[in-house]
Amino acid sequence: MRSSRIAVCAAFVGALALPLVGATSASAAPVQAPASRACDRPGPWAVHTQAVTIRSKASANSTAVGVLYRSHRFTVHKTSGNWHYITDNNTGVKGWVSGSYVYRDAYMCLD
């Protein structure tokens, strides 16, 4: 059992290294930046918890002006430290939310 795992791992690592071995170091054509793909761009913002309080200032002690729920879509206008100034697209409320509770999805290119 152990030897078959080692063989599978060795084959996998060899398959990953194959394109590196076949690559040449010198190239006649200049290297161009790849075209922008959807997976290269950061994804949409999302709420990491059930709800987060929208505040009037970038401080946990400031006045609450609304609540941003997980299902709501929102737009981030600017960032200051760990706080984001947002507009809740469902309610139109503008204010600050803590970066501890919102995040940006990341896409991965598999080619």
N, C-alpha and C. Protein backbone atom coordinates (compact mmCIF):
# COMPACT_ATOMS: atom_id res chain seq x y z
N MET A 1 0.83 -1.20 0.00
CA MET A 1 0.00 0.00 0.00
C MET A 1 0.87 1.25 0.00
N ARG A 2 1.90 1.27 0.84
CA ARG A 2 2.77 2.43 0.94
C ARG A 2 3.55 2.64 -0.35
N SER A 3 4.03 1.58 -0.96
CA SER A 3 4.80 1.72 -2.19
C SER A 3 3.93 2.23 -3.34
N SER A 4 2.66 1.86 -3.36
CA SER A 4 1.79 2.37 -4.42
C SER A 4 1.52 3.86 -4.22
N ARG A 5 1.41 4.32 -2.98
CA ARG A 5 1.25 5.76 -2.73
C ARG A 5 2.47 6.53 -3.17
N ILE A 6 3.64 5.98 -2.89
CA ILE A 6 4.89 6.63 -3.30
C ILE A 6 4.96 6.71 -4.82
N ALA A 7 4.57 5.64 -5.50
CA ALA A 7 4.62 5.62 -6.96
C ALA A 7 3.65 6.64 -7.54
N VAL A 8 2.46 6.75 -6.97
CA VAL A 8 1.48 7.72 -7.47
C VAL A 8 1.98 9.14 -7.23
N CYS A 9 2.53 9.40 -6.07
CA CYS A 9 3.07 10.74 -5.76
C CYS A 9 4.22 11.09 -6.70
N ALA A 10 5.10 10.14 -6.96
CA ALA A 10 6.24 10.38 -7.85
C ALA A 10 5.75 10.67 -9.26
N ALA A 11 4.74 9.94 -9.72
CA ALA A 11 4.20 10.18 -11.06
C ALA A 11 3.55 11.56 -11.14
N PHE A 12 2.86 11.95 -10.10
CA PHE A 12 2.20 13.25 -10.08
C PHE A 12 3.23 14.38 -10.10
N VAL A 13 4.26 14.27 -9.28
CA VAL A 13 5.31 15.30 -9.24
C VAL A 13 6.04 15.35 -10.57
N GLY A 14 6.28 14.19 -11.17
CA GLY A 14 6.93 14.15 -12.48
C GLY A 14 6.09 14.83 -13.55
N ALA A 15 4.78 14.62 -13.50
CA ALA A 15 3.90 15.24 -14.47
C ALA A 15 3.88 16.76 -14.30
N LEU A 16 3.97 17.22 -13.06
CA LEU A 16 4.01 18.67 -12.81
C LEU A 16 5.32 19.28 -13.29
N ALA A 17 6.42 18.55 -13.15
CA ALA A 17 7.73 19.07 -13.51
C ALA A 17 8.00 19.00 -15.00
N LEU A 18 7.26 18.18 -15.74
CA LEU A 18 7.51 17.98 -17.17
C LEU A 18 7.49 19.28 -17.97
N PRO A 19 6.52 20.17 -17.80
CA PRO A 19 6.56 21.43 -18.57
C PRO A 19 7.77 22.29 -18.23
N LEU A 20 8.29 22.19 -17.02
CA LEU A 20 9.46 22.97 -16.64
C LEU A 20 10.72 22.44 -17.31
N VAL A 21 10.82 21.12 -17.47
CA VAL A 21 11.99 20.52 -18.08
C VAL A 21 12.03 20.84 -19.56
N GLY A 22 10.88 20.85 -20.22
CA GLY A 22 10.82 21.09 -21.65
C GLY A 22 10.94 22.55 -22.04
N ALA A 23 10.86 23.45 -21.10
CA ALA A 23 10.92 24.88 -21.41
C ALA A 23 12.34 25.30 -21.74
N THR A 24 12.49 26.19 -22.72
CA THR A 24 13.80 26.70 -23.07
C THR A 24 14.02 28.03 -22.37
N SER A 25 15.27 28.33 -22.06
CA SER A 25 15.56 29.56 -21.34
C SER A 25 15.64 30.76 -22.27
N ALA A 26 16.03 30.56 -23.53
CA ALA A 26 16.12 31.67 -24.48
C ALA A 26 14.88 31.69 -25.35
N SER A 27 14.44 32.89 -25.67
CA SER A 27 13.25 33.03 -26.50
C SER A 27 13.46 34.17 -27.48
N ALA A 28 13.09 33.95 -28.74
CA ALA A 28 13.26 34.98 -29.75
C ALA A 28 12.16 36.03 -29.65
N ALA A 29 10.96 35.63 -29.26
CA ALA A 29 9.84 36.57 -29.19
C ALA A 29 9.78 37.19 -27.80
N PRO A 30 9.41 38.48 -27.72
CA PRO A 30 9.28 39.09 -26.39
C PRO A 30 8.09 38.49 -25.64
N VAL A 31 8.23 38.44 -24.35
CA VAL A 31 7.17 37.89 -23.50
C VAL A 31 6.07 38.93 -23.37
N GLN A 32 4.83 38.52 -23.62
CA GLN A 32 3.70 39.43 -23.51
C GLN A 32 2.87 39.06 -22.30
N ALA A 33 2.25 40.05 -21.71
CA ALA A 33 1.36 39.80 -20.58
C ALA A 33 0.12 39.07 -21.09
N PRO A 34 -0.37 38.07 -20.33
CA PRO A 34 -1.57 37.37 -20.78
C PRO A 34 -2.78 38.30 -20.78
N ALA A 35 -3.72 37.98 -21.64
CA ALA A 35 -4.95 38.77 -21.71
C ALA A 35 -5.70 38.67 -20.39
N SER A 36 -6.44 39.68 -20.06
CA SER A 36 -7.20 39.69 -18.81
C SER A 36 -8.30 38.63 -18.87
N ARG A 37 -8.31 37.75 -17.90
CA ARG A 37 -9.30 36.70 -17.83
C ARG A 37 -10.16 36.93 -16.60
N ALA A 38 -11.34 36.36 -16.61
CA ALA A 38 -12.25 36.52 -15.48
C ALA A 38 -11.64 35.98 -14.20
N CYS A 39 -10.84 34.93 -14.30
CA CYS A 39 -10.28 34.34 -13.09
C CYS A 39 -9.09 35.14 -12.55
N ASP A 40 -8.58 36.10 -13.31
CA ASP A 40 -7.48 36.94 -12.84
C ASP A 40 -7.95 38.12 -12.00
N ARG A 41 -9.22 38.46 -12.14
CA ARG A 41 -9.75 39.61 -11.42
C ARG A 41 -10.32 39.17 -10.07
N PRO A 42 -10.27 40.05 -9.06
CA PRO A 42 -10.90 39.70 -7.79
C PRO A 42 -12.41 39.61 -7.94
N GLY A 43 -13.00 38.78 -7.14
CA GLY A 43 -14.44 38.55 -7.22
C GLY A 43 -15.25 39.59 -6.48
N PRO A 44 -16.54 39.37 -6.36
CA PRO A 44 -17.41 40.31 -5.67
C PRO A 44 -17.22 40.26 -4.16
N TRP A 45 -17.63 41.31 -3.50
CA TRP A 45 -17.57 41.36 -2.04
C TRP A 45 -18.72 40.55 -1.46
N ALA A 46 -18.50 39.98 -0.28
CA ALA A 46 -19.53 39.19 0.39
C ALA A 46 -19.43 39.39 1.90
N VAL A 47 -20.53 39.14 2.60
CA VAL A 47 -20.56 39.23 4.06
C VAL A 47 -20.19 37.87 4.63
N HIS A 48 -19.26 37.85 5.57
CA HIS A 48 -18.73 36.61 6.13
C HIS A 48 -19.55 36.06 7.29
N THR A 49 -20.48 36.82 7.79
CA THR A 49 -21.30 36.42 8.93
C THR A 49 -22.78 36.61 8.57
N GLN A 50 -23.68 36.34 9.48
CA GLN A 50 -25.11 36.50 9.18
C GLN A 50 -25.47 37.95 8.89
N ALA A 51 -24.90 38.87 9.63
CA ALA A 51 -25.17 40.29 9.44
C ALA A 51 -24.03 41.10 10.05
N VAL A 52 -23.84 42.29 9.53
CA VAL A 52 -22.83 43.20 10.07
C VAL A 52 -23.45 44.59 10.15
N THR A 53 -23.09 45.32 11.18
CA THR A 53 -23.64 46.66 11.40
C THR A 53 -22.96 47.67 10.49
N ILE A 54 -23.76 48.49 9.83
CA ILE A 54 -23.23 49.60 9.04
C ILE A 54 -23.14 50.80 9.97
N ARG A 55 -21.98 51.43 10.05
CA ARG A 55 -21.73 52.52 10.99
C ARG A 55 -21.52 53.84 10.26
N SER A 56 -21.75 54.95 10.99
CA SER A 56 -21.61 56.28 10.41
C SER A 56 -20.14 56.67 10.21
N LYS A 57 -19.25 56.12 11.02
CA LYS A 57 -17.81 56.39 10.92
C LYS A 57 -17.06 55.06 10.99
N ALA A 58 -15.80 55.09 10.65
CA ALA A 58 -14.97 53.88 10.66
C ALA A 58 -14.51 53.58 12.09
N SER A 59 -15.47 53.29 12.96
CA SER A 59 -15.18 53.00 14.36
C SER A 59 -16.29 52.13 14.92
N ALA A 60 -15.91 51.19 15.78
CA ALA A 60 -16.90 50.31 16.40
C ALA A 60 -17.78 51.07 17.38
N ASN A 61 -17.35 52.24 17.83
CA ASN A 61 -18.11 53.04 18.79
C ASN A 61 -19.03 54.06 18.13
N SER A 62 -19.03 54.14 16.81
CA SER A 62 -19.85 55.14 16.12
C SER A 62 -21.30 54.67 16.01
N THR A 63 -22.17 55.57 15.61
CA THR A 63 -23.60 55.30 15.51
C THR A 63 -23.92 54.29 14.40
N ALA A 64 -24.79 53.34 14.70
CA ALA A 64 -25.24 52.37 13.70
C ALA A 64 -26.27 53.03 12.80
N VAL A 65 -26.10 52.89 11.48
CA VAL A 65 -27.04 53.47 10.53
C VAL A 65 -27.82 52.41 9.76
N GLY A 66 -27.43 51.15 9.90
CA GLY A 66 -28.13 50.08 9.19
C GLY A 66 -27.49 48.74 9.46
N VAL A 67 -28.04 47.73 8.82
CA VAL A 67 -27.53 46.36 8.95
C VAL A 67 -27.34 45.79 7.56
N LEU A 68 -26.19 45.19 7.32
CA LEU A 68 -25.89 44.54 6.05
C LEU A 68 -25.98 43.04 6.26
N TYR A 69 -26.96 42.40 5.62
CA TYR A 69 -27.17 40.96 5.78
C TYR A 69 -26.39 40.17 4.74
N ARG A 70 -26.19 38.90 5.01
CA ARG A 70 -25.40 38.04 4.13
C ARG A 70 -25.95 38.02 2.70
N SER A 71 -27.25 38.05 2.53
CA SER A 71 -27.86 37.96 1.20
C SER A 71 -27.77 39.27 0.41
N HIS A 72 -27.43 40.37 1.07
CA HIS A 72 -27.39 41.67 0.40
C HIS A 72 -26.13 41.82 -0.46
N ARG A 73 -26.31 42.50 -1.56
CA ARG A 73 -25.18 42.89 -2.41
C ARG A 73 -24.81 44.31 -2.02
N PHE A 74 -23.51 44.60 -2.08
CA PHE A 74 -23.07 45.94 -1.71
C PHE A 74 -21.86 46.33 -2.54
N THR A 75 -21.62 47.64 -2.60
CA THR A 75 -20.51 48.20 -3.34
C THR A 75 -19.54 48.84 -2.36
N VAL A 76 -18.26 48.53 -2.50
CA VAL A 76 -17.22 49.14 -1.67
C VAL A 76 -16.65 50.33 -2.44
N HIS A 77 -16.71 51.52 -1.83
CA HIS A 77 -16.23 52.74 -2.47
C HIS A 77 -14.79 53.04 -2.10
N LYS A 78 -14.45 52.86 -0.84
CA LYS A 78 -13.07 53.12 -0.40
C LYS A 78 -12.79 52.30 0.85
N THR A 79 -11.51 52.20 1.17
CA THR A 79 -11.07 51.44 2.34
C THR A 79 -10.16 52.32 3.18
N SER A 80 -10.33 52.25 4.49
CA SER A 80 -9.47 52.96 5.42
C SER A 80 -9.08 52.00 6.53
N GLY A 81 -7.85 51.53 6.48
CA GLY A 81 -7.42 50.52 7.45
C GLY A 81 -8.20 49.24 7.24
N ASN A 82 -8.88 48.78 8.29
CA ASN A 82 -9.67 47.56 8.20
C ASN A 82 -11.16 47.88 8.05
N TRP A 83 -11.50 49.09 7.61
CA TRP A 83 -12.89 49.50 7.43
C TRP A 83 -13.15 49.81 5.96
N HIS A 84 -14.37 49.49 5.51
CA HIS A 84 -14.76 49.73 4.13
C HIS A 84 -16.01 50.62 4.10
N TYR A 85 -15.96 51.68 3.27
CA TYR A 85 -17.12 52.53 3.06
C TYR A 85 -17.95 51.91 1.95
N ILE A 86 -19.19 51.54 2.26
CA ILE A 86 -20.02 50.76 1.34
C ILE A 86 -21.37 51.42 1.09
N THR A 87 -22.02 50.94 0.04
CA THR A 87 -23.43 51.23 -0.20
C THR A 87 -24.15 49.90 -0.30
N ASP A 88 -25.15 49.70 0.54
CA ASP A 88 -25.98 48.49 0.48
C ASP A 88 -26.90 48.64 -0.73
N ASN A 89 -26.73 47.79 -1.72
CA ASN A 89 -27.52 47.90 -2.96
C ASN A 89 -28.99 47.56 -2.74
N ASN A 90 -29.32 46.83 -1.68
CA ASN A 90 -30.72 46.48 -1.41
C ASN A 90 -31.48 47.63 -0.76
N THR A 91 -30.84 48.34 0.16
CA THR A 91 -31.53 49.38 0.91
C THR A 91 -31.06 50.79 0.57
N GLY A 92 -29.91 50.93 -0.04
CA GLY A 92 -29.37 52.25 -0.36
C GLY A 92 -28.62 52.90 0.79
N VAL A 93 -28.48 52.22 1.92
CA VAL A 93 -27.78 52.78 3.08
C VAL A 93 -26.29 52.83 2.80
N LYS A 94 -25.67 53.97 3.14
CA LYS A 94 -24.22 54.14 2.98
C LYS A 94 -23.59 54.25 4.35
N GLY A 95 -22.41 53.66 4.52
CA GLY A 95 -21.70 53.74 5.78
C GLY A 95 -20.49 52.84 5.79
N TRP A 96 -19.94 52.65 6.97
CA TRP A 96 -18.71 51.90 7.15
C TRP A 96 -19.00 50.52 7.77
N VAL A 97 -18.31 49.50 7.27
CA VAL A 97 -18.38 48.16 7.86
C VAL A 97 -16.97 47.67 8.13
N SER A 98 -16.84 46.85 9.15
CA SER A 98 -15.54 46.32 9.52
C SER A 98 -15.08 45.28 8.51
N GLY A 99 -13.81 45.33 8.15
CA GLY A 99 -13.23 44.36 7.24
C GLY A 99 -13.11 42.98 7.83
N SER A 100 -13.36 42.85 9.12
CA SER A 100 -13.33 41.53 9.76
C SER A 100 -14.55 40.70 9.37
N TYR A 101 -15.58 41.35 8.85
CA TYR A 101 -16.83 40.66 8.54
C TYR A 101 -17.18 40.61 7.06
N VAL A 102 -16.44 41.31 6.24
CA VAL A 102 -16.66 41.26 4.79
C VAL A 102 -15.35 40.86 4.11
N TYR A 103 -15.47 40.21 2.98
CA TYR A 103 -14.29 39.77 2.24
C TYR A 103 -14.58 39.79 0.76
N ARG A 104 -13.54 39.65 0.00
CA ARG A 104 -13.67 39.60 -1.46
C ARG A 104 -13.34 38.20 -1.92
N ASP A 105 -14.24 37.63 -2.72
CA ASP A 105 -13.99 36.29 -3.25
C ASP A 105 -12.78 36.32 -4.17
N ALA A 106 -12.05 35.22 -4.21
CA ALA A 106 -10.91 35.08 -5.10
C ALA A 106 -11.17 33.92 -6.05
N TYR A 107 -10.91 34.16 -7.34
CA TYR A 107 -11.08 33.13 -8.32
C TYR A 107 -9.72 32.47 -8.59
N MET A 108 -9.73 31.26 -9.10
CA MET A 108 -8.49 30.55 -9.39
C MET A 108 -8.52 30.08 -10.83
N CYS A 109 -7.45 30.36 -11.57
CA CYS A 109 -7.32 29.88 -12.94
C CYS A 109 -6.66 28.51 -12.90
N LEU A 110 -7.22 27.57 -13.62
CA LEU A 110 -6.69 26.20 -13.60
C LEU A 110 -6.06 25.80 -14.93
N ASP A 111 -5.51 26.75 -15.66
CA ASP A 111 -4.89 26.38 -16.92
C ASP A 111 -3.40 26.57 -16.89
